[in-house]
PDB file of N, CA and C in Angstrom:
ATOM      1  N   MET A   1       0.822  -1.197   0.000  1.00  0.00           N
ATOM      2  CA  MET A   1       0.000   0.000   0.000  1.00  0.00           C
ATOM      3  C   MET A   1       0.865   1.259   0.000  1.00  0.00           C
ATOM      4  N   GLY A   2       1.980   1.214   0.726  1.00  0.00           N
ATOM      5  CA  GLY A   2       2.856   2.368   0.807  1.00  0.00           C
ATOM      6  C   GLY A   2       3.519   2.696  -0.509  1.00  0.00           C
ATOM      7  N   LYS A   3       3.869   1.650  -1.283  1.00  0.00           N
ATOM      8  CA  LYS A   3       4.507   1.874  -2.581  1.00  0.00           C
ATOM      9  C   LYS A   3       3.530   2.537  -3.549  1.00  0.00           C
ATOM     10  N   TYR A   4       2.268   2.108  -3.543  1.00  0.00           N
ATOM     11  CA  TYR A   4       1.264   2.728  -4.404  1.00  0.00           C
ATOM     12  C   TYR A   4       1.044   4.186  -4.022  1.00  0.00           C
ATOM     13  N   LEU A   5       1.022   4.468  -2.741  1.00  0.00           N
ATOM     14  CA  LEU A   5       0.819   5.836  -2.280  1.00  0.00           C
ATOM     15  C   LEU A   5       2.000   6.723  -2.674  1.00  0.00           C
ATOM     16  N   THR A   6       3.201   6.202  -2.548  1.00  0.00           N
ATOM     17  CA  THR A   6       4.386   6.956  -2.955  1.00  0.00           C
ATOM     18  C   THR A   6       4.361   7.240  -4.451  1.00  0.00           C
ATOM     19  N   GLU A   7       3.986   6.233  -5.246  1.00  0.00           N
ATOM     20  CA  GLU A   7       3.907   6.429  -6.692  1.00  0.00           C
ATOM     21  C   GLU A   7       2.808   7.423  -7.054  1.00  0.00           C
ATOM     22  N   ALA A   8       1.679   7.370  -6.350  1.00  0.00           N
ATOM     23  CA  ALA A   8       0.580   8.298  -6.628  1.00  0.00           C
ATOM     24  C   ALA A   8       0.979   9.728  -6.281  1.00  0.00           C
ATOM     25  N   ILE A   9       1.701   9.925  -5.193  1.00  0.00           N
ATOM     26  CA  ILE A   9       2.165  11.265  -4.831  1.00  0.00           C
ATOM     27  C   ILE A   9       3.164  11.769  -5.872  1.00  0.00           C
ATOM     28  N   PHE A  10       4.034  10.888  -6.350  1.00  0.00           N
ATOM     29  CA  PHE A  10       4.990  11.262  -7.396  1.00  0.00           C
ATOM     30  C   PHE A  10       4.260  11.695  -8.664  1.00  0.00           C
ATOM     31  N   VAL A  11       3.249  10.943  -9.075  1.00  0.00           N
ATOM     32  CA  VAL A  11       2.478  11.285 -10.277  1.00  0.00           C
ATOM     33  C   VAL A  11       1.770  12.617 -10.083  1.00  0.00           C
ATOM     34  N   LEU A  12       1.204  12.843  -8.909  1.00  0.00           N
ATOM     35  CA  LEU A  12       0.513  14.095  -8.627  1.00  0.00           C
ATOM     36  C   LEU A  12       1.478  15.273  -8.703  1.00  0.00           C
ATOM     37  N   ILE A  13       2.674  15.121  -8.162  1.00  0.00           N
ATOM     38  CA  ILE A  13       3.667  16.193  -8.211  1.00  0.00           C
ATOM     39  C   ILE A  13       4.085  16.480  -9.649  1.00  0.00           C
ATOM     40  N   ILE A  14       4.312  15.432 -10.435  1.00  0.00           N
ATOM     41  CA  ILE A  14       4.708  15.626 -11.838  1.00  0.00           C
ATOM     42  C   ILE A  14       3.581  16.294 -12.629  1.00  0.00           C
ATOM     43  N   LEU A  15       2.329  15.897 -12.394  1.00  0.00           N
ATOM     44  CA  LEU A  15       1.212  16.530 -13.094  1.00  0.00           C
ATOM     45  C   LEU A  15       1.073  17.996 -12.702  1.00  0.00           C
ATOM     46  N   VAL A  16       1.302  18.312 -11.436  1.00  0.00           N
ATOM     47  CA  VAL A  16       1.246  19.712 -11.008  1.00  0.00           C
ATOM     48  C   VAL A  16       2.373  20.506 -11.654  1.00  0.00           C
ATOM     49  N   LEU A  17       3.580  19.930 -11.728  1.00  0.00           N
ATOM     50  CA  LEU A  17       4.686  20.623 -12.382  1.00  0.00           C
ATOM     51  C   LEU A  17       4.399  20.857 -13.867  1.00  0.00           C
ATOM     52  N   PHE A  18       3.822  19.869 -14.539  1.00  0.00           N
ATOM     53  CA  PHE A  18       3.469  20.054 -15.944  1.00  0.00           C
ATOM     54  C   PHE A  18       2.315  21.037 -16.109  1.00  0.00           C
ATOM     55  N   SER A  19       1.475  21.188 -15.093  1.00  0.00           N
ATOM     56  CA  SER A  19       0.417  22.195 -15.188  1.00  0.00           C
ATOM     57  C   SER A  19       0.992  23.598 -15.074  1.00  0.00           C
ATOM     58  N   PHE A  20       2.120  23.754 -14.369  1.00  0.00           N
ATOM     59  CA  PHE A  20       2.763  25.065 -14.281  1.00  0.00           C
ATOM     60  C   PHE A  20       3.333  25.507 -15.621  1.00  0.00           C
ATOM     61  N   VAL A  21       3.819  24.580 -16.430  1.00  0.00           N
ATOM     62  CA  VAL A  21       4.378  24.946 -17.733  1.00  0.00           C
ATOM     63  C   VAL A  21       3.345  24.882 -18.853  1.00  0.00           C
ATOM     64  N   GLY A  22       2.134  24.464 -18.564  1.00  0.00           N
ATOM     65  CA  GLY A  22       1.051  24.506 -19.533  1.00  0.00           C
ATOM     66  C   GLY A  22       0.808  23.240 -20.312  1.00  0.00           C
ATOM     67  N   ALA A  23       1.473  22.150 -19.981  1.00  0.00           N
ATOM     68  CA  ALA A  23       1.260  20.907 -20.724  1.00  0.00           C
ATOM     69  C   ALA A  23       0.000  20.190 -20.269  1.00  0.00           C
ATOM     70  N   VAL A  24      -0.317  20.298 -19.005  1.00  0.00           N
ATOM     71  CA  VAL A  24      -1.507  19.662 -18.430  1.00  0.00           C
ATOM     72  C   VAL A  24      -2.384  20.764 -17.852  1.00  0.00           C
ATOM     73  N   VAL A  25      -3.668  20.713 -18.185  1.00  0.00           N
ATOM     74  CA  VAL A  25      -4.594  21.737 -17.715  1.00  0.00           C
ATOM     75  C   VAL A  25      -5.592  21.084 -16.772  1.00  0.00           C
ATOM     76  N   PRO A  26      -5.591  21.485 -15.481  1.00  0.00           N
ATOM     77  CA  PRO A  26      -6.626  20.972 -14.581  1.00  0.00           C
ATOM     78  C   PRO A  26      -7.967  21.600 -14.935  1.00  0.00           C
ATOM     79  N   ARG A  27      -9.024  20.833 -14.877  1.00  0.00           N
ATOM     80  CA  ARG A  27     -10.334  21.291 -15.326  1.00  0.00           C
ATOM     81  C   ARG A  27     -11.273  21.623 -14.175  1.00  0.00           C
ATOM     82  N   PHE A  28     -10.804  22.341 -13.174  1.00  0.00           N
ATOM     83  CA  PHE A  28     -11.724  22.826 -12.157  1.00  0.00           C
ATOM     84  C   PHE A  28     -11.358  24.255 -11.811  1.00  0.00           C
ATOM     85  N   SER A  29     -12.378  25.045 -11.487  1.00  0.00           N
ATOM     86  CA  SER A  29     -12.142  26.462 -11.235  1.00  0.00           C
ATOM     87  C   SER A  29     -12.208  26.794  -9.748  1.00  0.00           C
ATOM     88  N   THR A  30     -12.936  26.029  -8.987  1.00  0.00           N
ATOM     89  CA  THR A  30     -13.030  26.267  -7.555  1.00  0.00           C
ATOM     90  C   THR A  30     -12.420  25.088  -6.821  1.00  0.00           C
ATOM     91  N   THR A  31     -12.340  25.198  -5.530  1.00  0.00           N
ATOM     92  CA  THR A  31     -11.774  24.103  -4.743  1.00  0.00           C
ATOM     93  C   THR A  31     -12.885  23.280  -4.101  1.00  0.00           C
ATOM     94  N   ASN A  32     -13.889  22.984  -4.871  1.00  0.00           N
ATOM     95  CA  ASN A  32     -14.945  22.105  -4.414  1.00  0.00           C
ATOM     96  C   ASN A  32     -14.367  20.708  -4.202  1.00  0.00           C
ATOM     97  N   LEU A  33     -14.734  20.061  -3.117  1.00  0.00           N
ATOM     98  CA  LEU A  33     -14.152  18.767  -2.772  1.00  0.00           C
ATOM     99  C   LEU A  33     -14.420  17.712  -3.845  1.00  0.00           C
ATOM    100  N   ALA A  34     -15.606  17.718  -4.419  1.00  0.00           N
ATOM    101  CA  ALA A  34     -15.935  16.730  -5.454  1.00  0.00           C
ATOM    102  C   ALA A  34     -15.061  16.925  -6.692  1.00  0.00           C
ATOM    103  N   GLN A  35     -14.789  18.170  -7.062  1.00  0.00           N
ATOM    104  CA  GLN A  35     -13.960  18.440  -8.227  1.00  0.00           C
ATOM    105  C   GLN A  35     -12.512  18.037  -7.978  1.00  0.00           C
ATOM    106  N   VAL A  36     -12.030  18.273  -6.774  1.00  0.00           N
ATOM    107  CA  VAL A  36     -10.658  17.884  -6.443  1.00  0.00           C
ATOM    108  C   VAL A  36     -10.531  16.364  -6.416  1.00  0.00           C
ATOM    109  N   LEU A  37     -11.550  15.677  -5.913  1.00  0.00           N
ATOM    110  CA  LEU A  37     -11.522  14.215  -5.906  1.00  0.00           C
ATOM    111  C   LEU A  37     -11.555  13.653  -7.325  1.00  0.00           C
ATOM    112  N   LEU A  38     -12.283  14.300  -8.225  1.00  0.00           N
ATOM    113  CA  LEU A  38     -12.292  13.858  -9.614  1.00  0.00           C
ATOM    114  C   LEU A  38     -10.967  14.147 -10.305  1.00  0.00           C
ATOM    115  N   PHE A  39     -10.189  15.111  -9.795  1.00  0.00           N
ATOM    116  CA  PHE A  39      -8.857  15.364 -10.328  1.00  0.00           C
ATOM    117  C   PHE A  39      -7.915  14.205 -10.014  1.00  0.00           C
ATOM    118  N   ILE A  40      -8.263  13.400  -9.026  1.00  0.00           N
ATOM    119  CA  ILE A  40      -7.449  12.255  -8.632  1.00  0.00           C
ATOM    120  C   ILE A  40      -7.602  11.103  -9.634  1.00  0.00           C
ATOM    121  N   ILE A  41      -8.645  11.121 -10.466  1.00  0.00           N
ATOM    122  CA  ILE A  41      -8.868  10.039 -11.437  1.00  0.00           C
ATOM    123  C   ILE A  41      -7.654   9.812 -12.335  1.00  0.00           C
ATOM    124  N   PRO A  42      -7.100  10.857 -12.987  1.00  0.00           N
ATOM    125  CA  PRO A  42      -5.929  10.590 -13.824  1.00  0.00           C
ATOM    126  C   PRO A  42      -4.723  10.126 -13.023  1.00  0.00           C
ATOM    127  N   VAL A  43      -4.615  10.582 -11.778  1.00  0.00           N
ATOM    128  CA  VAL A  43      -3.493  10.152 -10.938  1.00  0.00           C
ATOM    129  C   VAL A  43      -3.582   8.655 -10.678  1.00  0.00           C
ATOM    130  N   VAL A  44      -4.770   8.167 -10.352  1.00  0.00           N
ATOM    131  CA  VAL A  44      -4.954   6.742 -10.065  1.00  0.00           C
ATOM    132  C   VAL A  44      -4.752   5.915 -11.335  1.00  0.00           C
ATOM    133  N   VAL A  45      -5.303   6.363 -12.451  1.00  0.00           N
ATOM    134  CA  VAL A  45      -5.180   5.609 -13.703  1.00  0.00           C
ATOM    135  C   VAL A  45      -3.725   5.538 -14.155  1.00  0.00           C
ATOM    136  N   VAL A  46      -3.019   6.668 -14.093  1.00  0.00           N
ATOM    137  CA  VAL A  46      -1.616   6.683 -14.511  1.00  0.00           C
ATOM    138  C   VAL A  46      -0.764   5.875 -13.535  1.00  0.00           C
ATOM    139  N   THR A  47      -1.065   5.950 -12.244  1.00  0.00           N
ATOM    140  CA  THR A  47      -0.294   5.193 -11.260  1.00  0.00           C
ATOM    141  C   THR A  47      -0.438   3.696 -11.479  1.00  0.00           C
ATOM    142  N   LEU A  48      -1.650   3.227 -11.684  1.00  0.00           N
ATOM    143  CA  LEU A  48      -1.844   1.791 -11.907  1.00  0.00           C
ATOM    144  C   LEU A  48      -1.201   1.335 -13.214  1.00  0.00           C
ATOM    145  N   THR A  49      -1.389   2.107 -14.276  1.00  0.00           N
ATOM    146  CA  THR A  49      -0.790   1.746 -15.558  1.00  0.00           C
ATOM    147  C   THR A  49       0.731   1.730 -15.467  1.00  0.00           C
ATOM    148  N   GLY A  50       1.297   2.765 -14.868  1.00  0.00           N
ATOM    149  CA  GLY A  50       2.750   2.844 -14.742  1.00  0.00           C
ATOM    150  C   GLY A  50       3.329   1.777 -13.838  1.00  0.00           C
ATOM    151  N   HIS A  51       2.626   1.464 -12.749  1.00  0.00           N
ATOM    152  CA  HIS A  51       3.114   0.435 -11.836  1.00  0.00           C
ATOM    153  C   HIS A  51       3.208  -0.917 -12.538  1.00  0.00           C
ATOM    154  N   PHE A  52       2.158  -1.284 -13.251  1.00  0.00           N
ATOM    155  CA  PHE A  52       2.168  -2.581 -13.915  1.00  0.00           C
ATOM    156  C   PHE A  52       3.121  -2.608 -15.110  1.00  0.00           C
ATOM    157  N   LEU A  53       3.268  -1.481 -15.806  1.00  0.00           N
ATOM    158  CA  LEU A  53       4.275  -1.413 -16.876  1.00  0.00           C
ATOM    159  C   LEU A  53       5.680  -1.543 -16.294  1.00  0.00           C
ATOM    160  N   GLY A  54       5.935  -0.856 -15.186  1.00  0.00           N
ATOM    161  CA  GLY A  54       7.254  -0.939 -14.557  1.00  0.00           C
ATOM    162  C   GLY A  54       7.576  -2.337 -14.068  1.00  0.00           C
ATOM    163  N   ARG A  55       6.593  -3.019 -13.488  1.00  0.00           N
ATOM    164  CA  ARG A  55       6.820  -4.402 -13.054  1.00  0.00           C
ATOM    165  C   ARG A  55       7.105  -5.303 -14.239  1.00  0.00           C
ATOM    166  N   GLY A  56       6.395  -5.090 -15.335  1.00  0.00           N
ATOM    167  CA  GLY A  56       6.630  -5.902 -16.524  1.00  0.00           C
ATOM    168  C   GLY A  56       7.993  -5.656 -17.138  1.00  0.00           C
ATOM    169  N   ILE A  57       8.416  -4.408 -17.165  1.00  0.00           N
ATOM    170  CA  ILE A  57       9.723  -4.091 -17.741  1.00  0.00           C
ATOM    171  C   ILE A  57      10.835  -4.662 -16.873  1.00  0.00           C
ATOM    172  N   ARG A  58      10.690  -4.559 -15.549  1.00  0.00           N
ATOM    173  CA  ARG A  58      11.719  -5.095 -14.666  1.00  0.00           C
ATOM    174  C   ARG A  58      11.794  -6.616 -14.715  1.00  0.00           C
ATOM    175  N   SER A  59      10.704  -7.280 -15.081  1.00  0.00           N
ATOM    176  CA  SER A  59      10.722  -8.742 -15.138  1.00  0.00           C
ATOM    177  C   SER A  59      11.340  -9.253 -16.443  1.00  0.00           C
ATOM    178  N   VAL A  60      11.375  -8.422 -17.482  1.00  0.00           N
ATOM    179  CA  VAL A  60      11.942  -8.816 -18.769  1.00  0.00           C
ATOM    180  C   VAL A  60      13.427  -8.474 -18.770  1.00  0.00           C
ATOM    181  N   LYS A  61      14.227  -9.380 -19.248  1.00  0.00           N
ATOM    182  CA  LYS A  61      15.677  -9.147 -19.326  1.00  0.00           C
ATOM    183  C   LYS A  61      16.092  -9.079 -20.787  1.00  0.00           C
ATOM    184  N   GLY A  62      17.180  -8.394 -21.038  1.00  0.00           N
ATOM    185  CA  GLY A  62      17.740  -8.351 -22.381  1.00  0.00           C
ATOM    186  C   GLY A  62      17.287  -7.146 -23.178  1.00  0.00           C
ATOM    187  N   PRO A  63      17.437  -7.238 -24.509  1.00  0.00           N
ATOM    188  CA  PRO A  63      17.120  -6.087 -25.365  1.00  0.00           C
ATOM    189  C   PRO A  63      15.620  -5.779 -25.426  1.00  0.00           C
ATOM    190  N   GLU A  64      14.785  -6.746 -25.076  1.00  0.00           N
ATOM    191  CA  GLU A  64      13.346  -6.482 -25.066  1.00  0.00           C
ATOM    192  C   GLU A  64      12.997  -5.427 -24.029  1.00  0.00           C
ATOM    193  N   ALA A  65      13.730  -5.416 -22.917  1.00  0.00           N
ATOM    194  CA  ALA A  65      13.478  -4.429 -21.873  1.00  0.00           C
ATOM    195  C   ALA A  65      13.792  -3.020 -22.363  1.00  0.00           C
ATOM    196  N   MET A  66      14.833  -2.881 -23.187  1.00  0.00           N
ATOM    197  CA  MET A  66      15.159  -1.556 -23.729  1.00  0.00           C
ATOM    198  C   MET A  66      14.044  -1.050 -24.641  1.00  0.00           C
ATOM    199  N   GLY A  67      13.494  -1.923 -25.454  1.00  0.00           N
ATOM    200  CA  GLY A  67      12.382  -1.533 -26.312  1.00  0.00           C
ATOM    201  C   GLY A  67      11.157  -1.130 -25.517  1.00  0.00           C
ATOM    202  N   LEU A  68      10.875  -1.885 -24.471  1.00  0.00           N
ATOM    203  CA  LEU A  68       9.733  -1.551 -23.619  1.00  0.00           C
ATOM    204  C   LEU A  68       9.943  -0.236 -22.879  1.00  0.00           C
ATOM    205  N   MET A  69      11.200   0.061 -22.523  1.00  0.00           N
ATOM    206  CA  MET A  69      11.469   1.329 -21.839  1.00  0.00           C
ATOM    207  C   MET A  69      11.210   2.518 -22.751  1.00  0.00           C
ATOM    208  N   TYR A  70      11.425   2.372 -24.054  1.00  0.00           N
ATOM    209  CA  TYR A  70      11.158   3.470 -24.977  1.00  0.00           C
ATOM    210  C   TYR A  70       9.686   3.566 -25.362  1.00  0.00           C
ATOM    211  N   VAL A  71       8.963   2.471 -25.312  1.00  0.00           N
ATOM    212  CA  VAL A  71       7.546   2.476 -25.682  1.00  0.00           C
ATOM    213  C   VAL A  71       6.655   2.903 -24.508  1.00  0.00           C
ATOM    214  N   SER A  72       7.074   2.603 -23.283  1.00  0.00           N
ATOM    215  CA  SER A  72       6.218   2.865 -22.125  1.00  0.00           C
ATOM    216  C   SER A  72       5.882   4.340 -21.900  1.00  0.00           C
ATOM    217  N   PRO A  73       6.761   5.325 -22.178  1.00  0.00           N
ATOM    218  CA  PRO A  73       6.308   6.719 -22.048  1.00  0.00           C
ATOM    219  C   PRO A  73       5.175   7.073 -23.005  1.00  0.00           C
ATOM    220  N   PHE A  74       5.158   6.452 -24.182  1.00  0.00           N
ATOM    221  CA  PHE A  74       4.052   6.692 -25.100  1.00  0.00           C
ATOM    222  C   PHE A  74       2.748   6.121 -24.539  1.00  0.00           C
ATOM    223  N   ILE A  75       2.835   5.006 -23.834  1.00  0.00           N
ATOM    224  CA  ILE A  75       1.630   4.418 -23.238  1.00  0.00           C
ATOM    225  C   ILE A  75       1.116   5.299 -22.111  1.00  0.00           C
ATOM    226  N   ILE A  76       2.011   5.757 -21.230  1.00  0.00           N
ATOM    227  CA  ILE A  76       1.600   6.604 -20.107  1.00  0.00           C
ATOM    228  C   ILE A  76       1.053   7.940 -20.610  1.00  0.00           C
ATOM    229  N   GLY A  77       1.750   8.568 -21.551  1.00  0.00           N
ATOM    230  CA  GLY A  77       1.249   9.812 -22.132  1.00  0.00           C
ATOM    231  C   GLY A  77      -0.041   9.599 -22.906  1.00  0.00           C
ATOM    232  N   GLY A  78      -0.168   8.429 -23.523  1.00  0.00           N
ATOM    233  CA  GLY A  78      -1.391   8.102 -24.244  1.00  0.00           C
ATOM    234  C   GLY A  78      -2.588   7.963 -23.333  1.00  0.00           C
ATOM    235  N   VAL A  79      -2.368   7.479 -22.122  1.00  0.00           N
ATOM    236  CA  VAL A  79      -3.468   7.399 -21.146  1.00  0.00           C
ATOM    237  C   VAL A  79      -3.964   8.800 -20.812  1.00  0.00           C
ATOM    238  N   LEU A  80      -3.034   9.735 -20.589  1.00  0.00           N
ATOM    239  CA  LEU A  80      -3.444  11.118 -20.322  1.00  0.00           C
ATOM    240  C   LEU A  80      -4.100  11.754 -21.544  1.00  0.00           C
ATOM    241  N   ALA A  81      -3.595  11.444 -22.740  1.00  0.00           N
ATOM    242  CA  ALA A  81      -4.207  11.969 -23.963  1.00  0.00           C
ATOM    243  C   ALA A  81      -5.611  11.400 -24.156  1.00  0.00           C
ATOM    244  N   LEU A  82      -5.795  10.139 -23.804  1.00  0.00           N
ATOM    245  CA  LEU A  82      -7.121   9.531 -23.915  1.00  0.00           C
ATOM    246  C   LEU A  82      -8.110  10.199 -22.968  1.00  0.00           C
ATOM    247  N   LEU A  83      -7.660  10.532 -21.761  1.00  0.00           N
ATOM    248  CA  LEU A  83      -8.538  11.259 -20.842  1.00  0.00           C
ATOM    249  C   LEU A  83      -8.900  12.629 -21.394  1.00  0.00           C
ATOM    250  N   ALA A  84      -7.973  13.259 -22.118  1.00  0.00           N
ATOM    251  CA  ALA A  84      -8.253  14.563 -22.719  1.00  0.00           C
ATOM    252  C   ALA A  84      -9.214  14.429 -23.899  1.00  0.00           C
ATOM    253  N   ILE A  85      -9.023  13.389 -24.705  1.00  0.00           N
ATOM    254  CA  ILE A  85      -9.883  13.210 -25.877  1.00  0.00           C
ATOM    255  C   ILE A  85     -11.304  12.841 -25.453  1.00  0.00           C
ATOM    256  N   LEU A  86     -11.438  12.026 -24.410  1.00  0.00           N
ATOM    257  CA  LEU A  86     -12.762  11.644 -23.927  1.00  0.00           C
ATOM    258  C   LEU A  86     -13.426  12.751 -23.110  1.00  0.00           C
ATOM    259  N   ARG A  87     -12.669  13.780 -22.768  1.00  0.00           N
ATOM    260  CA  ARG A  87     -13.155  14.932 -22.003  1.00  0.00           C
ATOM    261  C   ARG A  87     -13.823  14.505 -20.693  1.00  0.00           C
ATOM    262  N   ILE A  88     -13.083  13.733 -19.920  1.00  0.00           N
ATOM    263  CA  ILE A  88     -13.553  13.336 -18.596  1.00  0.00           C
ATOM    264  C   ILE A  88     -13.676  14.595 -17.749  1.00  0.00           C
ATOM    265  N   ALA A  89     -14.821  14.800 -17.138  1.00  0.00           N
ATOM    266  CA  ALA A  89     -15.078  16.037 -16.401  1.00  0.00           C
ATOM    267  C   ALA A  89     -14.123  16.190 -15.223  1.00  0.00           C
ATOM    268  N   TYR A  90     -13.601  17.395 -15.072  1.00  0.00           N
ATOM    269  CA  TYR A  90     -12.757  17.815 -13.946  1.00  0.00           C
ATOM    270  C   TYR A  90     -11.452  17.047 -13.830  1.00  0.00           C
ATOM    271  N   SER A  91     -11.062  16.286 -14.824  1.00  0.00           N
ATOM    272  CA  SER A  91      -9.780  15.586 -14.742  1.00  0.00           C
ATOM    273  C   SER A  91      -8.711  16.418 -15.447  1.00  0.00           C
ATOM    274  N   ALA A  92      -7.480  16.036 -15.278  1.00  0.00           N
ATOM    275  CA  ALA A  92      -6.380  16.750 -15.928  1.00  0.00           C
ATOM    276  C   ALA A  92      -6.421  16.476 -17.427  1.00  0.00           C
ATOM    277  N   GLN A  93      -6.311  17.517 -18.214  1.00  0.00           N
ATOM    278  CA  GLN A  93      -6.361  17.401 -19.663  1.00  0.00           C
ATOM    279  C   GLN A  93      -4.977  17.669 -20.227  1.00  0.00           C
ATOM    280  N   LEU A  94      -4.469  16.770 -21.033  1.00  0.00           N
ATOM    281  CA  LEU A  94      -3.181  16.945 -21.685  1.00  0.00           C
ATOM    282  C   LEU A  94      -3.376  17.815 -22.919  1.00  0.00           C
ATOM    283  N   ARG A  95      -2.649  18.921 -22.996  1.00  0.00           N
ATOM    284  CA  ARG A  95      -2.718  19.806 -24.169  1.00  0.00           C
ATOM    285  C   ARG A  95      -1.793  19.257 -25.234  1.00  0.00           C
ATOM    286  N   LEU A  96      -2.363  18.618 -26.254  1.00  0.00           N
ATOM    287  CA  LEU A  96      -1.559  17.962 -27.289  1.00  0.00           C
ATOM    288  C   LEU A  96      -0.809  18.960 -28.156  1.00  0.00           C
ATOM    289  N   GLY A  97      -1.266  20.178 -28.239  1.00  0.00           N
ATOM    290  CA  GLY A  97      -0.586  21.189 -29.031  1.00  0.00           C
ATOM    291  C   GLY A  97       0.403  22.003 -28.227  1.00  0.00           C
ATOM    292  N   TRP A  98       0.861  21.499 -27.108  1.00  0.00           N
ATOM    293  CA  TRP A  98       1.733  22.239 -26.203  1.00  0.00           C
ATOM    294  C   TRP A  98       3.079  22.577 -26.850  1.00  0.00           C
ATOM    295  N   LEU A  99       3.643  21.680 -27.620  1.00  0.00           N
ATOM    296  CA  LEU A  99       4.960  21.905 -28.209  1.00  0.00           C
ATOM    297  C   LEU A  99       4.918  22.511 -29.604  1.00  0.00           C
ATOM    298  N   GLY A 100       3.735  22.716 -30.144  1.00  0.00           N
ATOM    299  CA  GLY A 100       3.642  23.337 -31.466  1.00  0.00           C
ATOM    300  C   GLY A 100       2.581  22.683 -32.327  1.00  0.00           C
ATOM    301  N   THR A 101       2.620  23.017 -33.608  1.00  0.00           N
ATOM    302  CA  THR A 101       1.607  22.514 -34.536  1.00  0.00           C
ATOM    303  C   THR A 101       2.184  21.614 -35.612  1.00  0.00           C
ATOM    304  N   GLU A 102       3.450  21.249 -35.516  1.00  0.00           N
ATOM    305  CA  GLU A 102       4.041  20.363 -36.501  1.00  0.00           C
ATOM    306  C   GLU A 102       3.419  18.973 -36.394  1.00  0.00           C
ATOM    307  N   TRP A 103       3.687  18.131 -37.389  1.00  0.00           N
ATOM    308  CA  TRP A 103       3.078  16.809 -37.420  1.00  0.00           C
ATOM    309  C   TRP A 103       3.567  15.933 -36.278  1.00  0.00           C
ATOM    310  N   TYR A 104       4.761  16.178 -35.770  1.00  0.00           N
ATOM    311  CA  TYR A 104       5.326  15.352 -34.714  1.00  0.00           C
ATOM    312  C   TYR A 104       5.113  15.942 -33.321  1.00  0.00           C
ATOM    313  N   ALA A 105       4.499  17.102 -33.214  1.00  0.00           N
ATOM    314  CA  ALA A 105       4.389  17.795 -31.928  1.00  0.00           C
ATOM    315  C   ALA A 105       3.502  17.025 -30.941  1.00  0.00           C
ATOM    316  N   GLN A 106       2.449  16.417 -31.423  1.00  0.00           N
ATOM    317  CA  GLN A 106       1.565  15.680 -30.510  1.00  0.00           C
ATOM    318  C   GLN A 106       2.271  14.450 -29.944  1.00  0.00           C
ATOM    319  N   LEU A 107       2.986  13.715 -30.786  1.00  0.00           N
ATOM    320  CA  LEU A 107       3.738  12.566 -30.288  1.00  0.00           C
ATOM    321  C   LEU A 107       4.850  13.000 -29.347  1.00  0.00           C
ATOM    322  N   ALA A 108       5.497  14.115 -29.653  1.00  0.00           N
ATOM    323  CA  ALA A 108       6.549  14.620 -28.778  1.00  0.00           C
ATOM    324  C   ALA A 108       5.977  15.038 -27.424  1.00  0.00           C
ATOM    325  N   THR A 109       4.797  15.640 -27.417  1.00  0.00           N
ATOM    326  CA  THR A 109       4.156  16.017 -26.158  1.00  0.00           C
ATOM    327  C   THR A 109       3.826  14.787 -25.335  1.00  0.00           C
ATOM    328  N   ILE A 110       3.280  13.776 -25.967  1.00  0.00           N
ATOM    329  CA  ILE A 110       2.953  12.541 -25.253  1.00  0.00           C
ATOM    330  C   ILE A 110       4.211  11.922 -24.661  1.00  0.00           C
ATOM    331  N   PHE A 111       5.309  11.922 -25.412  1.00  0.00           N
ATOM    332  CA  PHE A 111       6.558  11.345 -24.914  1.00  0.00           C
ATOM    333  C   PHE A 111       7.172  12.189 -23.804  1.00  0.00           C
ATOM    334  N   VAL A 112       7.179  13.512 -23.974  1.00  0.00           N
ATOM    335  CA  VAL A 112       7.792  14.393 -22.978  1.00  0.00           C
ATOM    336  C   VAL A 112       7.035  14.339 -21.650  1.00  0.00           C
ATOM    337  N   VAL A 113       5.732  14.197 -21.691  1.00  0.00           N
ATOM    338  CA  VAL A 113       4.956  14.083 -20.449  1.00  0.00           C
ATOM    339  C   VAL A 113       5.071  12.673 -19.877  1.00  0.00           C
ATOM    340  N   GLY A 114       5.106  11.671 -20.729  1.00  0.00           N
ATOM    341  CA  GLY A 114       5.134  10.285 -20.243  1.00  0.00           C
ATOM    342  C   GLY A 114       6.486   9.838 -19.718  1.00  0.00           C
ATOM    343  N   ALA A 115       7.582  10.408 -20.228  1.00  0.00           N
ATOM    344  CA  ALA A 115       8.921   9.953 -19.827  1.00  0.00           C
ATOM    345  C   ALA A 115       9.223  10.214 -18.351  1.00  0.00           C
ATOM    346  N   PRO A 116       8.999  11.413 -17.805  1.00  0.00           N
ATOM    347  CA  PRO A 116       9.276  11.580 -16.379  1.00  0.00           C
ATOM    348  C   PRO A 116       8.342  10.773 -15.494  1.00  0.00           C
ATOM    349  N   LEU A 117       7.098  10.601 -15.952  1.00  0.00           N
ATOM    350  CA  LEU A 117       6.174   9.764 -15.166  1.00  0.00           C
ATOM    351  C   LEU A 117       6.664   8.328 -15.126  1.00  0.00           C
ATOM    352  N   MET A 118       7.109   7.822 -16.263  1.00  0.00           N
ATOM    353  CA  MET A 118       7.584   6.438 -16.316  1.00  0.00           C
ATOM    354  C   MET A 118       8.886   6.267 -15.573  1.00  0.00           C
ATOM    355  N   LEU A 119       9.709   7.296 -15.508  1.00  0.00           N
ATOM    356  CA  LEU A 119      10.966   7.227 -14.780  1.00  0.00           C
ATOM    357  C   LEU A 119      10.734   6.914 -13.306  1.00  0.00           C
ATOM    358  N   GLY A 120       9.682   7.464 -12.763  1.00  0.00           N
ATOM    359  CA  GLY A 120       9.356   7.194 -11.366  1.00  0.00           C
ATOM    360  C   GLY A 120       8.967   5.753 -11.105  1.00  0.00           C
ATOM    361  N   PHE A 121       8.444   5.080 -12.095  1.00  0.00           N
ATOM    362  CA  PHE A 121       8.027   3.684 -11.910  1.00  0.00           C
ATOM    363  C   PHE A 121       9.157   2.699 -12.183  1.00  0.00           C
ATOM    364  N   LEU A 122      10.184   3.153 -12.906  1.00  0.00           N
ATOM    365  CA  LEU A 122      11.285   2.252 -13.220  1.00  0.00           C
ATOM    366  C   LEU A 122      12.409   2.298 -12.201  1.00  0.00           C
ATOM    367  N   LEU A 123      12.458   3.321 -11.387  1.00  0.00           N
ATOM    368  CA  LEU A 123      13.519   3.421 -10.371  1.00  0.00           C
ATOM    369  C   LEU A 123      13.137   2.743  -9.078  1.00  0.00           C
TER     370      LEU A 123
END
């Protein structure tokens, strides 16, 4: 239980840091308790996804683990992008156009947001 809580706090801190630079936009205007609790939805989803991805990567040995380490930030960032595309109310929304309007900017945003999150699960 303690490891999950530590990972969830890490994800929350990273999401708050990305909200300061404009990559993640929290979708609540007041500090209503229900809205803040719904902000925890992406934290829980990303924590569970990252935890199980990290366990899987650590269990695989060899060059397959290197490939999984490069693919996993896209999965974690994709989870946040999916929450943004589905427009889950009051959850954190990933701004896909954060790095620009080029054809690769959306993938770069997903990777840049997913890489630090995944780093916390692999260490």
